[in-house]
Amino acid sequence: LIRVRPIETIGKVKESVLQALGEESSNNNGRNKKTDKKYVRLVCKGRLLAPDNAILKELKFVEPNDVVHAVLTTSQQQRPGVQAAI
């Protein structure tokens, strides 16, 4: 669980998610998960939070105490165009 301020950008929230997960990563099979590039999508009330330079309080559908879900994938799993199709 991380808490963010309404004046933060989507990009800053994504960085906070990655930092929080980086501290909890464990070392499996000699690989350091911190070096694996991650792709983060943030979703609130079924809507994708974008672009990264948008400020949370400017997004009309995001309200105080809302839950934002973070979807993480590695960069290799990223498929262009999937978001547009949803």
PDB file of N, CA and C in Angstrom:
ATOM      1  N   LEU A   1       0.848  -1.171   0.000  1.00  0.00           N
ATOM      2  CA  LEU A   1       0.000   0.000   0.000  1.00  0.00           C
ATOM      3  C   LEU A   1       0.895   1.235   0.000  1.00  0.00           C
ATOM      4  N   ILE A   2       0.649   2.100  -0.947  1.00  0.00           N
ATOM      5  CA  ILE A   2       1.350   3.381  -0.952  1.00  0.00           C
ATOM      6  C   ILE A   2       0.310   4.493  -0.980  1.00  0.00           C
ATOM      7  N   ARG A   3       0.642   5.587  -0.406  1.00  0.00           N
ATOM      8  CA  ARG A   3      -0.244   6.747  -0.402  1.00  0.00           C
ATOM      9  C   ARG A   3       0.398   7.834  -1.251  1.00  0.00           C
ATOM     10  N   VAL A   4      -0.433   8.495  -2.033  1.00  0.00           N
ATOM     11  CA  VAL A   4       0.071   9.544  -2.901  1.00  0.00           C
ATOM     12  C   VAL A   4      -0.753  10.810  -2.689  1.00  0.00           C
ATOM     13  N   ARG A   5      -0.172  11.929  -3.068  1.00  0.00           N
ATOM     14  CA  ARG A   5      -0.862  13.220  -2.954  1.00  0.00           C
ATOM     15  C   ARG A   5      -1.527  13.560  -4.279  1.00  0.00           C
ATOM     16  N   PRO A   6      -2.597  14.323  -4.232  1.00  0.00           N
ATOM     17  CA  PRO A   6      -3.312  14.683  -5.465  1.00  0.00           C
ATOM     18  C   PRO A   6      -2.486  15.501  -6.443  1.00  0.00           C
ATOM     19  N   ILE A   7      -1.389  16.119  -5.982  1.00  0.00           N
ATOM     20  CA  ILE A   7      -0.570  16.955  -6.862  1.00  0.00           C
ATOM     21  C   ILE A   7       0.508  16.163  -7.603  1.00  0.00           C
ATOM     22  N   GLU A   8       0.567  14.852  -7.375  1.00  0.00           N
ATOM     23  CA  GLU A   8       1.582  14.033  -8.032  1.00  0.00           C
ATOM     24  C   GLU A   8       1.134  13.636  -9.433  1.00  0.00           C
ATOM     25  N   THR A   9       2.108  13.429 -10.300  1.00  0.00           N
ATOM     26  CA  THR A   9       1.809  12.992 -11.665  1.00  0.00           C
ATOM     27  C   THR A   9       1.642  11.476 -11.703  1.00  0.00           C
ATOM     28  N   ILE A  10       1.029  11.001 -12.762  1.00  0.00           N
ATOM     29  CA  ILE A  10       0.873   9.563 -12.976  1.00  0.00           C
ATOM     30  C   ILE A  10       2.256   8.908 -13.023  1.00  0.00           C
ATOM     31  N   GLY A  11       3.205   9.548 -13.693  1.00  0.00           N
ATOM     32  CA  GLY A  11       4.564   9.020 -13.774  1.00  0.00           C
ATOM     33  C   GLY A  11       5.213   8.866 -12.410  1.00  0.00           C
ATOM     34  N   LYS A  12       4.987   9.829 -11.520  1.00  0.00           N
ATOM     35  CA  LYS A  12       5.550   9.766 -10.169  1.00  0.00           C
ATOM     36  C   LYS A  12       4.916   8.624  -9.379  1.00  0.00           C
ATOM     37  N   VAL A  13       3.625   8.418  -9.558  1.00  0.00           N
ATOM     38  CA  VAL A  13       2.947   7.306  -8.877  1.00  0.00           C
ATOM     39  C   VAL A  13       3.519   5.979  -9.372  1.00  0.00           C
ATOM     40  N   LYS A  14       3.748   5.866 -10.673  1.00  0.00           N
ATOM     41  CA  LYS A  14       4.346   4.646 -11.222  1.00  0.00           C
ATOM     42  C   LYS A  14       5.734   4.394 -10.620  1.00  0.00           C
ATOM     43  N   GLU A  15       6.529   5.456 -10.488  1.00  0.00           N
ATOM     44  CA  GLU A  15       7.852   5.328  -9.872  1.00  0.00           C
ATOM     45  C   GLU A  15       7.730   4.851  -8.430  1.00  0.00           C
ATOM     46  N   SER A  16       6.752   5.375  -7.697  1.00  0.00           N
ATOM     47  CA  SER A  16       6.542   4.980  -6.302  1.00  0.00           C
ATOM     48  C   SER A  16       6.175   3.502  -6.203  1.00  0.00           C
ATOM     49  N   VAL A  17       5.361   3.029  -7.132  1.00  0.00           N
ATOM     50  CA  VAL A  17       4.988   1.607  -7.153  1.00  0.00           C
ATOM     51  C   VAL A  17       6.222   0.752  -7.385  1.00  0.00           C
ATOM     52  N   LEU A  18       7.027   1.115  -8.359  1.00  0.00           N
ATOM     53  CA  LEU A  18       8.232   0.338  -8.652  1.00  0.00           C
ATOM     54  C   LEU A  18       9.212   0.350  -7.491  1.00  0.00           C
ATOM     55  N   GLN A  19       9.359   1.495  -6.836  1.00  0.00           N
ATOM     56  CA  GLN A  19      10.250   1.565  -5.679  1.00  0.00           C
ATOM     57  C   GLN A  19       9.748   0.679  -4.549  1.00  0.00           C
ATOM     58  N   ALA A  20       8.451   0.706  -4.297  1.00  0.00           N
ATOM     59  CA  ALA A  20       7.887  -0.123  -3.233  1.00  0.00           C
ATOM     60  C   ALA A  20       8.091  -1.604  -3.532  1.00  0.00           C
ATOM     61  N   LEU A  21       7.917  -2.003  -4.762  1.00  0.00           N
ATOM     62  CA  LEU A  21       8.110  -3.400  -5.128  1.00  0.00           C
ATOM     63  C   LEU A  21       9.579  -3.785  -5.158  1.00  0.00           C
ATOM     64  N   GLY A  22      10.440  -2.841  -5.524  1.00  0.00           N
ATOM     65  CA  GLY A  22      11.878  -3.114  -5.569  1.00  0.00           C
ATOM     66  C   GLY A  22      12.448  -3.454  -4.210  1.00  0.00           C
ATOM     67  N   GLU A  23      11.898  -2.854  -3.192  1.00  0.00           N
ATOM     68  CA  GLU A  23      12.356  -3.134  -1.827  1.00  0.00           C
ATOM     69  C   GLU A  23      11.931  -4.512  -1.364  1.00  0.00           C
ATOM     70  N   GLU A  24      10.872  -5.057  -1.957  1.00  0.00           N
ATOM     71  CA  GLU A  24      10.365  -6.358  -1.541  1.00  0.00           C
ATOM     72  C   GLU A  24      10.835  -7.487  -2.446  1.00  0.00           C
ATOM     73  N   SER A  25      11.529  -7.144  -3.532  1.00  0.00           N
ATOM     74  CA  SER A  25      11.953  -8.180  -4.478  1.00  0.00           C
ATOM     75  C   SER A  25      12.941  -9.130  -3.832  1.00  0.00           C
ATOM     76  N   SER A  26      12.827 -10.382  -4.185  1.00  0.00           N
ATOM     77  CA  SER A  26      13.785 -11.376  -3.708  1.00  0.00           C
ATOM     78  C   SER A  26      14.636 -11.845  -4.872  1.00  0.00           C
ATOM     79  N   ASN A  27      15.761 -12.421  -4.568  1.00  0.00           N
ATOM     80  CA  ASN A  27      16.693 -12.871  -5.594  1.00  0.00           C
ATOM     81  C   ASN A  27      16.438 -14.341  -5.888  1.00  0.00           C
ATOM     82  N   ASN A  28      15.913 -14.644  -7.079  1.00  0.00           N
ATOM     83  CA  ASN A  28      15.634 -16.019  -7.487  1.00  0.00           C
ATOM     84  C   ASN A  28      16.542 -16.406  -8.640  1.00  0.00           C
ATOM     85  N   ASN A  29      17.133 -17.589  -8.548  1.00  0.00           N
ATOM     86  CA  ASN A  29      17.979 -18.140  -9.615  1.00  0.00           C
ATOM     87  C   ASN A  29      19.090 -17.185 -10.029  1.00  0.00           C
ATOM     88  N   GLY A  30      19.599 -16.405  -9.112  1.00  0.00           N
ATOM     89  CA  GLY A  30      20.708 -15.517  -9.420  1.00  0.00           C
ATOM     90  C   GLY A  30      20.320 -14.252 -10.142  1.00  0.00           C
ATOM     91  N   ARG A  31      19.037 -14.051 -10.426  1.00  0.00           N
ATOM     92  CA  ARG A  31      18.591 -12.844 -11.133  1.00  0.00           C
ATOM     93  C   ARG A  31      18.141 -11.806 -10.119  1.00  0.00           C
ATOM     94  N   ASN A  32      18.502 -10.584 -10.396  1.00  0.00           N
ATOM     95  CA  ASN A  32      18.078  -9.486  -9.547  1.00  0.00           C
ATOM     96  C   ASN A  32      16.856  -8.840 -10.178  1.00  0.00           C
ATOM     97  N   LYS A  33      15.710  -8.938  -9.535  1.00  0.00           N
ATOM     98  CA  LYS A  33      14.474  -8.407 -10.103  1.00  0.00           C
ATOM     99  C   LYS A  33      14.524  -6.897 -10.281  1.00  0.00           C
ATOM    100  N   LYS A  34      15.374  -6.214  -9.549  1.00  0.00           N
ATOM    101  CA  LYS A  34      15.467  -4.762  -9.686  1.00  0.00           C
ATOM    102  C   LYS A  34      15.975  -4.354 -11.064  1.00  0.00           C
ATOM    103  N   THR A  35      16.726  -5.241 -11.727  1.00  0.00           N
ATOM    104  CA  THR A  35      17.274  -4.899 -13.038  1.00  0.00           C
ATOM    105  C   THR A  35      16.309  -5.245 -14.166  1.00  0.00           C
ATOM    106  N   ASP A  36      15.265  -6.032 -13.894  1.00  0.00           N
ATOM    107  CA  ASP A  36      14.269  -6.347 -14.915  1.00  0.00           C
ATOM    108  C   ASP A  36      13.425  -5.110 -15.167  1.00  0.00           C
ATOM    109  N   LYS A  37      13.352  -4.696 -16.432  1.00  0.00           N
ATOM    110  CA  LYS A  37      12.563  -3.515 -16.754  1.00  0.00           C
ATOM    111  C   LYS A  37      11.081  -3.843 -16.629  1.00  0.00           C
ATOM    112  N   LYS A  38      10.347  -2.992 -15.919  1.00  0.00           N
ATOM    113  CA  LYS A  38       8.925  -3.206 -15.696  1.00  0.00           C
ATOM    114  C   LYS A  38       8.107  -2.161 -16.426  1.00  0.00           C
ATOM    115  N   TYR A  39       6.935  -2.584 -16.868  1.00  0.00           N
ATOM    116  CA  TYR A  39       5.976  -1.699 -17.486  1.00  0.00           C
ATOM    117  C   TYR A  39       4.790  -1.627 -16.527  1.00  0.00           C
ATOM    118  N   VAL A  40       4.393  -0.427 -16.149  1.00  0.00           N
ATOM    119  CA  VAL A  40       3.340  -0.236 -15.154  1.00  0.00           C
ATOM    120  C   VAL A  40       2.147   0.460 -15.795  1.00  0.00           C
ATOM    121  N   ARG A  41       0.962  -0.103 -15.570  1.00  0.00           N
ATOM    122  CA  ARG A  41      -0.285   0.564 -15.939  1.00  0.00           C
ATOM    123  C   ARG A  41      -1.070   0.769 -14.656  1.00  0.00           C
ATOM    124  N   LEU A  42      -1.632   1.948 -14.480  1.00  0.00           N
ATOM    125  CA  LEU A  42      -2.450   2.253 -13.313  1.00  0.00           C
ATOM    126  C   LEU A  42      -3.901   2.363 -13.746  1.00  0.00           C
ATOM    127  N   VAL A  43      -4.797   1.729 -12.980  1.00  0.00           N
ATOM    128  CA  VAL A  43      -6.211   1.697 -13.304  1.00  0.00           C
ATOM    129  C   VAL A  43      -7.017   2.110 -12.080  1.00  0.00           C
ATOM    130  N   CYS A  44      -7.976   3.000 -12.283  1.00  0.00           N
ATOM    131  CA  CYS A  44      -8.869   3.433 -11.218  1.00  0.00           C
ATOM    132  C   CYS A  44     -10.294   3.452 -11.764  1.00  0.00           C
ATOM    133  N   LYS A  45     -11.189   2.763 -11.087  1.00  0.00           N
ATOM    134  CA  LYS A  45     -12.596   2.692 -11.503  1.00  0.00           C
ATOM    135  C   LYS A  45     -12.735   2.207 -12.953  1.00  0.00           C
ATOM    136  N   GLY A  46     -11.867   1.274 -13.333  1.00  0.00           N
ATOM    137  CA  GLY A  46     -11.924   0.700 -14.666  1.00  0.00           C
ATOM    138  C   GLY A  46     -11.325   1.562 -15.764  1.00  0.00           C
ATOM    139  N   ARG A  47     -10.713   2.670 -15.384  1.00  0.00           N
ATOM    140  CA  ARG A  47     -10.141   3.578 -16.385  1.00  0.00           C
ATOM    141  C   ARG A  47      -8.627   3.642 -16.236  1.00  0.00           C
ATOM    142  N   LEU A  48      -7.946   3.617 -17.368  1.00  0.00           N
ATOM    143  CA  LEU A  48      -6.493   3.711 -17.396  1.00  0.00           C
ATOM    144  C   LEU A  48      -6.066   5.127 -17.049  1.00  0.00           C
ATOM    145  N   LEU A  49      -5.114   5.266 -16.133  1.00  0.00           N
ATOM    146  CA  LEU A  49      -4.588   6.578 -15.780  1.00  0.00           C
ATOM    147  C   LEU A  49      -3.459   6.930 -16.740  1.00  0.00           C
ATOM    148  N   ALA A  50      -3.674   7.936 -17.553  1.00  0.00           N
ATOM    149  CA  ALA A  50      -2.705   8.338 -18.568  1.00  0.00           C
ATOM    150  C   ALA A  50      -3.012   9.767 -18.973  1.00  0.00           C
ATOM    151  N   PRO A  51      -2.051  10.464 -19.530  1.00  0.00           N
ATOM    152  CA  PRO A  51      -0.641  10.163 -19.769  1.00  0.00           C
ATOM    153  C   PRO A  51       0.175  10.337 -18.493  1.00  0.00           C
ATOM    154  N   ASP A  52       1.449   9.967 -18.560  1.00  0.00           N
ATOM    155  CA  ASP A  52       2.311  10.020 -17.380  1.00  0.00           C
ATOM    156  C   ASP A  52       2.485  11.427 -16.817  1.00  0.00           C
ATOM    157  N   ASN A  53       2.329  12.458 -17.629  1.00  0.00           N
ATOM    158  CA  ASN A  53       2.532  13.822 -17.122  1.00  0.00           C
ATOM    159  C   ASN A  53       1.246  14.432 -16.554  1.00  0.00           C
ATOM    160  N   ALA A  54       0.137  13.672 -16.562  1.00  0.00           N
ATOM    161  CA  ALA A  54      -1.122  14.160 -15.988  1.00  0.00           C
ATOM    162  C   ALA A  54      -1.020  14.174 -14.462  1.00  0.00           C
ATOM    163  N   ILE A  55      -1.642  15.160 -13.852  1.00  0.00           N
ATOM    164  CA  ILE A  55      -1.663  15.286 -12.392  1.00  0.00           C
ATOM    165  C   ILE A  55      -2.951  14.642 -11.887  1.00  0.00           C
ATOM    166  N   LEU A  56      -2.839  13.874 -10.797  1.00  0.00           N
ATOM    167  CA  LEU A  56      -3.986  13.122 -10.298  1.00  0.00           C
ATOM    168  C   LEU A  56      -5.223  13.992 -10.091  1.00  0.00           C
ATOM    169  N   LYS A  57      -5.064  15.158  -9.483  1.00  0.00           N
ATOM    170  CA  LYS A  57      -6.240  15.982  -9.186  1.00  0.00           C
ATOM    171  C   LYS A  57      -6.915  16.529 -10.443  1.00  0.00           C
ATOM    172  N   GLU A  58      -6.218  16.499 -11.578  1.00  0.00           N
ATOM    173  CA  GLU A  58      -6.805  16.949 -12.838  1.00  0.00           C
ATOM    174  C   GLU A  58      -7.710  15.889 -13.467  1.00  0.00           C
ATOM    175  N   LEU A  59      -7.566  14.652 -13.031  1.00  0.00           N
ATOM    176  CA  LEU A  59      -8.404  13.571 -13.544  1.00  0.00           C
ATOM    177  C   LEU A  59      -9.707  13.581 -12.754  1.00  0.00           C
ATOM    178  N   LYS A  60     -10.777  13.931 -13.389  1.00  0.00           N
ATOM    179  CA  LYS A  60     -12.059  14.161 -12.713  1.00  0.00           C
ATOM    180  C   LYS A  60     -12.613  12.920 -12.017  1.00  0.00           C
ATOM    181  N   PHE A  61     -12.264  11.734 -12.494  1.00  0.00           N
ATOM    182  CA  PHE A  61     -12.835  10.515 -11.920  1.00  0.00           C
ATOM    183  C   PHE A  61     -12.046   9.970 -10.731  1.00  0.00           C
ATOM    184  N   VAL A  62     -10.863  10.509 -10.439  1.00  0.00           N
ATOM    185  CA  VAL A  62     -10.066  10.065  -9.301  1.00  0.00           C
ATOM    186  C   VAL A  62     -10.376  10.968  -8.114  1.00  0.00           C
ATOM    187  N   GLU A  63     -10.821  10.350  -7.017  1.00  0.00           N
ATOM    188  CA  GLU A  63     -11.217  11.088  -5.823  1.00  0.00           C
ATOM    189  C   GLU A  63     -10.359  10.663  -4.643  1.00  0.00           C
ATOM    190  N   PRO A  64     -10.329  11.479  -3.577  1.00  0.00           N
ATOM    191  CA  PRO A  64      -9.570  11.098  -2.374  1.00  0.00           C
ATOM    192  C   PRO A  64     -10.015   9.720  -1.857  1.00  0.00           C
ATOM    193  N   ASN A  65      -9.060   8.951  -1.403  1.00  0.00           N
ATOM    194  CA  ASN A  65      -9.256   7.612  -0.831  1.00  0.00           C
ATOM    195  C   ASN A  65      -9.672   6.554  -1.856  1.00  0.00           C
ATOM    196  N   ASP A  66      -9.598   6.855  -3.146  1.00  0.00           N
ATOM    197  CA  ASP A  66      -9.848   5.837  -4.161  1.00  0.00           C
ATOM    198  C   ASP A  66      -8.710   4.825  -4.175  1.00  0.00           C
ATOM    199  N   VAL A  67      -9.019   3.628  -4.631  1.00  0.00           N
ATOM    200  CA  VAL A  67      -8.012   2.586  -4.807  1.00  0.00           C
ATOM    201  C   VAL A  67      -7.570   2.606  -6.264  1.00  0.00           C
ATOM    202  N   VAL A  68      -6.265   2.625  -6.466  1.00  0.00           N
ATOM    203  CA  VAL A  68      -5.694   2.558  -7.807  1.00  0.00           C
ATOM    204  C   VAL A  68      -4.950   1.236  -7.912  1.00  0.00           C
ATOM    205  N   HIS A  69      -5.267   0.478  -8.933  1.00  0.00           N
ATOM    206  CA  HIS A  69      -4.632  -0.827  -9.139  1.00  0.00           C
ATOM    207  C   HIS A  69      -3.441  -0.661 -10.067  1.00  0.00           C
ATOM    208  N   ALA A  70      -2.343  -1.332  -9.736  1.00  0.00           N
ATOM    209  CA  ALA A  70      -1.141  -1.311 -10.559  1.00  0.00           C
ATOM    210  C   ALA A  70      -1.010  -2.663 -11.256  1.00  0.00           C
ATOM    211  N   VAL A  71      -0.898  -2.619 -12.571  1.00  0.00           N
ATOM    212  CA  VAL A  71      -0.693  -3.826 -13.373  1.00  0.00           C
ATOM    213  C   VAL A  71       0.739  -3.773 -13.884  1.00  0.00           C
ATOM    214  N   LEU A  72       1.547  -4.742 -13.489  1.00  0.00           N
ATOM    215  CA  LEU A  72       2.953  -4.773 -13.876  1.00  0.00           C
ATOM    216  C   LEU A  72       3.237  -5.929 -14.810  1.00  0.00           C
ATOM    217  N   THR A  73       4.024  -5.651 -15.831  1.00  0.00           N
ATOM    218  CA  THR A  73       4.522  -6.690 -16.721  1.00  0.00           C
ATOM    219  C   THR A  73       5.979  -6.366 -17.039  1.00  0.00           C
ATOM    220  N   THR A  74       6.687  -7.354 -17.540  1.00  0.00           N
ATOM    221  CA  THR A  74       8.031  -7.067 -18.019  1.00  0.00           C
ATOM    222  C   THR A  74       7.906  -6.460 -19.399  1.00  0.00           C
ATOM    223  N   SER A  75       8.906  -5.752 -19.839  1.00  0.00           N
ATOM    224  CA  SER A  75       8.822  -5.061 -21.132  1.00  0.00           C
ATOM    225  C   SER A  75       8.640  -6.046 -22.287  1.00  0.00           C
ATOM    226  N   GLN A  76       9.118  -7.286 -22.143  1.00  0.00           N
ATOM    227  CA  GLN A  76       8.963  -8.268 -23.210  1.00  0.00           C
ATOM    228  C   GLN A  76       7.507  -8.697 -23.377  1.00  0.00           C
ATOM    229  N   GLN A  77       6.713  -8.641 -22.328  1.00  0.00           N
ATOM    230  CA  GLN A  77       5.323  -9.064 -22.400  1.00  0.00           C
ATOM    231  C   GLN A  77       4.416  -7.962 -22.936  1.00  0.00           C
ATOM    232  N   GLN A  78       4.924  -6.773 -23.032  1.00  0.00           N
ATOM    233  CA  GLN A  78       4.131  -5.643 -23.502  1.00  0.00           C
ATOM    234  C   GLN A  78       3.751  -5.851 -24.957  1.00  0.00           C
ATOM    235  N   ARG A  79       2.474  -5.690 -25.265  1.00  0.00           N
ATOM    236  CA  ARG A  79       1.988  -5.858 -26.627  1.00  0.00           C
ATOM    237  C   ARG A  79       1.407  -4.546 -27.100  1.00  0.00           C
ATOM    238  N   PRO A  80       2.010  -3.910 -28.102  1.00  0.00           N
ATOM    239  CA  PRO A  80       1.485  -2.633 -28.570  1.00  0.00           C
ATOM    240  C   PRO A  80       0.057  -2.763 -29.078  1.00  0.00           C
ATOM    241  N   GLY A  81      -0.744  -1.747 -28.815  1.00  0.00           N
ATOM    242  CA  GLY A  81      -2.096  -1.699 -29.325  1.00  0.00           C
ATOM    243  C   GLY A  81      -3.146  -2.356 -28.445  1.00  0.00           C
ATOM    244  N   VAL A  82      -2.749  -3.094 -27.424  1.00  0.00           N
ATOM    245  CA  VAL A  82      -3.719  -3.774 -26.591  1.00  0.00           C
ATOM    246  C   VAL A  82      -4.572  -2.783 -25.829  1.00  0.00           C
ATOM    247  N   GLN A  83      -3.975  -1.718 -25.297  1.00  0.00           N
ATOM    248  CA  GLN A  83      -4.734  -0.729 -24.545  1.00  0.00           C
ATOM    249  C   GLN A  83      -5.779  -0.063 -25.413  1.00  0.00           C
ATOM    250  N   ALA A  84      -5.431   0.226 -26.660  1.00  0.00           N
ATOM    251  CA  ALA A  84      -6.363   0.888 -27.550  1.00  0.00           C
ATOM    252  C   ALA A  84      -7.550   0.006 -27.889  1.00  0.00           C
ATOM    253  N   ALA A  85      -7.351  -1.306 -27.849  1.00  0.00           N
ATOM    254  CA  ALA A  85      -8.426  -2.224 -28.197  1.00  0.00           C
ATOM    255  C   ALA A  85      -9.424  -2.409 -27.059  1.00  0.00           C
ATOM    256  N   ILE A  86      -9.029  -2.056 -25.864  1.00  0.00           N
ATOM    257  CA  ILE A  86      -9.897  -2.286 -24.697  1.00  0.00           C
ATOM    258  C   ILE A  86     -11.002  -1.297 -24.621  1.00  0.00           C
TER     259      ILE A  86
END
